[in-house]
Protein backbone atom coordinates (compact mmCIF):
# COMPACT_ATOMS: atom_id res chain seq x y z
CA UNK A 1 47.91 -52.89 6.92
CA UNK A 2 47.87 -55.84 9.22
CA UNK A 3 50.38 -57.61 7.12
CA UNK A 4 52.91 -54.70 8.02
CA UNK A 5 51.65 -54.73 11.47
CA UNK A 6 52.82 -58.40 11.93
CA UNK A 7 55.68 -58.17 9.46
CA UNK A 8 54.47 -60.51 7.06
CA UNK A 9 55.04 -60.82 3.28
CA UNK A 10 51.47 -62.26 2.54
CA UNK A 11 48.35 -63.67 4.19
CA UNK A 12 48.84 -66.95 6.01
CA UNK A 13 47.30 -69.73 3.91
CA UNK A 14 46.57 -67.08 1.35
CA UNK A 15 46.92 -67.66 -2.78
CA UNK A 16 50.36 -66.11 -2.45
CA UNK A 17 51.76 -68.90 -0.38
CA UNK A 18 54.35 -70.64 -2.75
CA UNK A 19 55.49 -73.55 -0.38
CA UNK A 20 52.30 -75.52 0.59
CA UNK A 21 52.37 -77.64 3.70
CA UNK A 22 52.86 -81.41 3.12
CA UNK A 23 53.16 -84.33 5.34
CA UNK A 24 52.34 -86.81 2.75
CA UNK A 25 49.02 -86.20 1.19
CA UNK A 26 50.44 -83.54 -1.55
CA UNK A 27 53.33 -85.95 -2.20
CA UNK A 28 50.78 -88.60 -3.06
CA UNK A 29 48.63 -86.50 -5.30
CA UNK A 30 51.88 -85.34 -7.03
CA UNK A 31 52.73 -89.03 -7.67
CA UNK A 32 49.39 -89.70 -9.06
CA UNK A 33 49.46 -86.63 -10.95
CA UNK A 34 52.91 -87.58 -12.60
CA UNK A 35 51.20 -90.99 -13.45
CA UNK A 36 48.65 -89.38 -15.76
CA UNK A 37 51.31 -87.05 -17.29
CA UNK A 38 53.40 -90.23 -18.38
CA UNK A 39 50.27 -92.01 -19.41
CA UNK A 40 47.54 -89.57 -20.29
CA UNK A 41 44.06 -90.28 -18.91
CA UNK A 42 41.50 -89.23 -16.51
CA UNK A 43 41.84 -88.34 -12.71
CA UNK A 44 39.51 -87.35 -10.02
CA UNK A 45 40.38 -84.98 -7.18
CA UNK A 46 37.83 -84.56 -4.45
CA UNK A 47 37.53 -82.67 -1.16
CA UNK A 48 35.54 -80.46 0.97
CA UNK A 49 35.48 -76.75 -0.18
CA UNK A 50 38.51 -74.91 1.25
CA UNK A 51 40.53 -78.10 1.84
CA UNK A 52 43.29 -76.99 -0.88
CA UNK A 53 42.35 -78.86 -3.96
CA UNK A 54 43.01 -75.89 -6.46
CA UNK A 55 46.02 -74.63 -4.44
CA UNK A 56 47.73 -78.10 -4.43
CA UNK A 57 47.21 -78.55 -8.42
CA UNK A 58 48.36 -74.78 -8.77
CA UNK A 59 51.54 -75.86 -7.10
CA UNK A 60 52.24 -79.01 -8.98
CA UNK A 61 51.36 -77.56 -12.43
CA UNK A 62 53.53 -74.61 -11.84
CA UNK A 63 56.56 -76.66 -11.83
CA UNK A 64 55.82 -78.44 -15.32
CA UNK A 65 57.80 -77.65 -18.49
CA UNK A 66 55.71 -75.61 -20.39
CA UNK A 67 57.47 -76.80 -23.74
CA UNK A 68 56.10 -80.22 -22.99
CA UNK A 69 52.67 -79.65 -21.30
CA UNK A 70 49.80 -77.10 -21.82
CA UNK A 71 47.98 -76.41 -18.71
CA UNK A 72 44.24 -75.70 -19.43
CA UNK A 73 42.40 -74.43 -16.37
CA UNK A 74 38.54 -74.23 -16.33
CA UNK A 75 36.54 -73.44 -13.47
CA UNK A 76 33.32 -72.07 -15.18
CA UNK A 77 31.36 -75.27 -15.18
CA UNK A 78 27.58 -74.08 -14.22
CA UNK A 79 26.71 -74.01 -17.87
CA UNK A 80 25.50 -76.26 -20.76
CA UNK A 81 27.96 -78.95 -21.95
CA UNK A 82 28.67 -77.26 -25.31
CA UNK A 83 29.62 -74.15 -23.35
CA UNK A 84 32.21 -76.36 -21.49
CA UNK A 85 33.70 -77.55 -24.75
CA UNK A 86 33.60 -73.92 -26.23
CA UNK A 87 35.71 -72.97 -23.18
CA UNK A 88 38.26 -75.69 -24.01
CA UNK A 89 38.45 -74.51 -27.66
CA UNK A 90 38.95 -71.00 -26.78
CA UNK A 91 41.71 -72.08 -24.34
CA UNK A 92 43.33 -74.08 -27.15
CA UNK A 93 43.22 -70.86 -29.43
CA UNK A 94 40.40 -71.85 -31.52
CA UNK A 95 37.38 -69.94 -32.65
CA UNK A 96 34.44 -72.32 -31.22
CA UNK A 97 32.13 -73.60 -33.58
CA UNK A 98 28.26 -73.39 -32.59
CA UNK A 99 27.83 -76.99 -33.65
CA UNK A 100 28.85 -79.63 -31.10
CA UNK A 101 29.87 -82.04 -33.76
CA UNK A 102 32.10 -79.64 -35.38
CA UNK A 103 33.33 -78.26 -32.12
CA UNK A 104 34.64 -81.68 -31.09
CA UNK A 105 36.23 -82.24 -34.31
CA UNK A 106 38.20 -78.92 -34.32
CA UNK A 107 39.03 -79.62 -30.58
CA UNK A 108 40.42 -83.21 -31.43
CA UNK A 109 42.25 -81.75 -34.41
CA UNK A 110 44.04 -79.43 -32.21
CA UNK A 111 45.08 -82.05 -29.61
CA UNK A 112 46.46 -84.40 -32.30
CA UNK A 113 48.40 -81.36 -33.46
CA UNK A 114 49.74 -80.47 -30.16
CA UNK A 115 50.80 -84.19 -29.43
CA UNK A 116 51.99 -85.52 -32.78
CA UNK A 117 53.59 -82.30 -34.30
CA UNK A 118 54.51 -80.16 -31.17
CA UNK A 119 55.16 -83.02 -28.86
CA UNK A 120 53.01 -81.19 -26.08
CA UNK A 121 50.40 -82.96 -24.01
CA UNK A 122 47.52 -81.01 -23.25
CA UNK A 123 46.43 -81.17 -19.53
CA UNK A 124 42.62 -79.97 -19.03
CA UNK A 125 41.85 -79.17 -15.21
CA UNK A 126 38.19 -78.79 -14.83
CA UNK A 127 37.49 -77.39 -11.26
CA UNK A 128 34.17 -77.06 -9.58
CA UNK A 129 33.30 -80.14 -11.60
CA UNK A 130 30.36 -81.03 -9.26
CA UNK A 131 28.58 -78.44 -11.15
CA UNK A 132 28.89 -79.97 -14.77
CA UNK A 133 25.68 -80.89 -16.31
CA UNK A 134 24.91 -84.58 -16.31
CA UNK A 135 24.84 -84.53 -20.20
CA UNK A 136 28.51 -83.67 -19.95
CA UNK A 137 29.21 -86.76 -17.90
CA UNK A 138 27.40 -88.93 -20.17
CA UNK A 139 29.03 -88.01 -23.41
CA UNK A 140 32.43 -87.15 -22.22
CA UNK A 141 33.82 -90.74 -22.68
CA UNK A 142 32.95 -90.42 -26.36
CA UNK A 143 34.94 -86.88 -26.53
CA UNK A 144 38.00 -88.67 -24.91
CA UNK A 145 37.87 -91.40 -27.86
CA UNK A 146 40.89 -90.83 -30.01
CA UNK A 147 41.47 -93.10 -33.10
CA UNK A 148 39.31 -95.91 -32.36
CA UNK A 149 40.11 -95.31 -28.79
CA UNK A 150 43.47 -96.62 -29.27
CA UNK A 151 45.34 -93.56 -28.07
CA UNK A 152 44.98 -91.42 -24.99
CA UNK A 153 46.31 -87.88 -25.92
CA UNK A 154 44.94 -85.52 -23.27
CA UNK A 155 45.12 -85.73 -19.36
CA UNK A 156 42.06 -84.58 -17.57
CA UNK A 157 41.43 -83.74 -14.02
CA UNK A 158 38.01 -83.58 -12.53
CA UNK A 159 38.19 -81.50 -9.36
CA UNK A 160 35.30 -81.10 -7.13
CA UNK A 161 33.31 -81.74 -3.83
CA UNK A 162 33.01 -85.21 -2.41
CA UNK A 163 29.57 -85.23 -4.04
CA UNK A 164 31.09 -85.60 -7.37
CA UNK A 165 32.65 -88.92 -6.74
CA UNK A 166 29.41 -90.34 -5.55
CA UNK A 167 27.70 -88.83 -8.81
CA UNK A 168 30.32 -90.67 -10.90
CA UNK A 169 29.52 -94.00 -9.21
CA UNK A 170 25.96 -93.82 -10.39
CA UNK A 171 24.96 -96.28 -13.21
CA UNK A 172 24.32 -93.71 -15.83
CA UNK A 173 27.95 -92.68 -15.79
CA UNK A 174 29.52 -96.15 -15.54
CA UNK A 175 31.20 -95.40 -18.96
CA UNK A 176 32.83 -92.46 -17.53
CA UNK A 177 33.95 -93.92 -14.14
CA UNK A 178 35.47 -96.69 -16.04
CA UNK A 179 38.04 -94.35 -17.45
CA UNK A 180 39.18 -92.91 -14.18
CA UNK A 181 42.59 -94.08 -13.62
CA UNK A 182 43.36 -92.19 -10.65
CA UNK A 183 41.21 -91.09 -7.64
CA UNK A 184 42.64 -88.87 -4.81
CA UNK A 185 40.61 -87.56 -2.01
CA UNK A 186 42.07 -84.76 0.07
CA UNK A 187 41.10 -84.66 3.74
CA UNK A 188 40.77 -81.67 6.20
CA UNK A 189 43.91 -81.52 8.69
CA UNK A 190 41.53 -82.37 11.75
CA UNK A 191 44.25 -84.16 13.88
CA UNK A 192 45.70 -81.56 16.59
CA UNK A 193 49.37 -81.99 15.78
CA UNK A 194 49.12 -81.90 12.17
CA UNK A 195 47.01 -78.80 12.49
CA UNK A 196 49.57 -77.18 14.59
CA UNK A 197 52.20 -78.02 11.87
CA UNK A 198 50.11 -76.77 9.21
CA UNK A 199 49.64 -73.26 10.88
CA UNK A 200 53.30 -73.17 11.96
CA UNK A 201 54.10 -73.61 8.38
CA UNK A 202 51.73 -70.99 7.32
CA UNK A 203 52.91 -68.38 9.73
CA UNK A 204 56.63 -69.13 8.97
CA UNK A 205 56.13 -68.94 5.18
CA UNK A 206 54.53 -65.68 5.45
CA UNK A 207 57.25 -64.30 7.25
CA UNK A 208 56.32 -64.42 10.86
CA UNK A 209 59.26 -64.20 13.14
CA UNK A 210 57.35 -64.79 16.46
CA UNK A 211 54.56 -66.84 18.17
CA UNK A 212 51.20 -65.48 17.40
CA UNK A 213 48.82 -67.91 19.14
CA UNK A 214 48.78 -69.91 22.34
CA UNK A 215 48.01 -73.53 22.31
CA UNK A 216 44.39 -72.56 23.42
CA UNK A 217 44.04 -70.23 20.47
CA UNK A 218 45.43 -72.76 18.01
CA UNK A 219 42.76 -75.38 19.33
CA UNK A 220 40.03 -72.66 18.93
CA UNK A 221 41.19 -72.07 15.52
CA UNK A 222 41.45 -75.70 14.76
CA UNK A 223 37.91 -76.50 15.89
CA UNK A 224 36.24 -73.40 14.32
CA UNK A 225 37.81 -74.01 10.89
CA UNK A 226 37.23 -77.79 11.04
CA UNK A 227 40.62 -78.57 9.77
CA UNK A 228 40.12 -76.66 6.47
CA UNK A 229 43.21 -74.45 5.28
CA UNK A 230 40.83 -71.82 3.64
CA UNK A 231 38.85 -71.22 6.64
CA UNK A 232 41.75 -71.47 9.04
CA UNK A 233 43.33 -68.45 7.04
CA UNK A 234 40.25 -66.39 6.80
CA UNK A 235 39.87 -66.47 10.65
CA UNK A 236 43.74 -65.69 11.19
CA UNK A 237 43.33 -62.76 8.86
CA UNK A 238 40.25 -61.57 10.65
CA UNK A 239 41.84 -61.86 13.96
CA UNK A 240 44.97 -59.95 12.90
CA UNK A 241 42.90 -57.08 11.47
CA UNK A 242 41.19 -57.16 14.90
CA UNK A 243 44.20 -57.06 16.83
CA UNK A 244 45.86 -54.03 14.89
CA UNK A 245 43.91 -51.36 16.35
CA UNK A 246 44.39 -52.69 19.90
CA UNK A 247 48.22 -52.53 19.23
CA UNK A 248 48.63 -56.14 19.90
CA UNK A 249 51.52 -58.20 18.41
CA UNK A 250 49.96 -61.39 19.15
CA UNK A 251 46.56 -63.04 18.88
CA UNK A 252 44.99 -63.59 22.30
CA UNK A 253 42.21 -66.23 22.64
CA UNK A 254 39.53 -63.46 22.76
CA UNK A 255 40.73 -62.07 19.53
CA UNK A 256 40.53 -65.44 18.03
CA UNK A 257 36.97 -65.96 19.41
CA UNK A 258 35.89 -62.57 18.09
CA UNK A 259 36.98 -63.32 14.64
CA UNK A 260 35.25 -66.73 14.78
CA UNK A 261 32.08 -65.11 15.81
CA UNK A 262 32.36 -62.19 13.16
CA UNK A 263 33.07 -64.90 10.27
CA UNK A 264 29.92 -66.95 11.66
CA UNK A 265 27.76 -63.82 11.62
CA UNK A 266 28.70 -62.88 8.15
CA UNK A 267 27.68 -66.34 7.03
CA UNK A 268 24.47 -66.06 8.66
CA UNK A 269 23.77 -63.03 6.64
CA UNK A 270 24.81 -64.51 3.25
């Protein structure tokens, strides 16, 4: 209802956004991403929840040639290590074995087939990787060992919270950390001018034809969201829903403040 009221095609900063805002951070990630496509290996992408990690990778992978790259996305990570590999096997179209040794052999055989026979590079994106079990981190280097470790056949991105990078820098996971070829950390958009550009892009991309927020409202939004796009989007959508019954075609500061208060109350009761 609020979309129609404000003449929007979709929620600002929502998952339907097809043209993510970028003032350099996304371009840098895209560059590093392409490095791992040209020379398969392991990448690490970290950032606070809601900073836009998954959205950025979704945008980048959507442009890939499906005849050259097979994108395998996995976000169910709070399970045992064998369950993680079984999820990969299913994504590769395999019937997963219950024995880990056989499971590894089947997956590696399929990867070899994709690369050598079909000239397709598998790209495995493991989201919420901070939830992966410690056993996975310890034996993942062995899984990545192809042909006496003479070939890199699969690109893998571990995506997670900043604590993930700290975990992988610990001594027990040195073997895995040494295989990380690319590290990218996405930061919240906390600078005032950058945040204003982000919101302006989000509203324009959603179809907004007029100014919704005063500068003071933008500042309220920036401070409350802490520069996190997901949180800013939630506040904006809540404020627009609150504005509809009042017949408003803009978002006064008091409406923004009410939206912030409602979301904070919701979090308290979680």
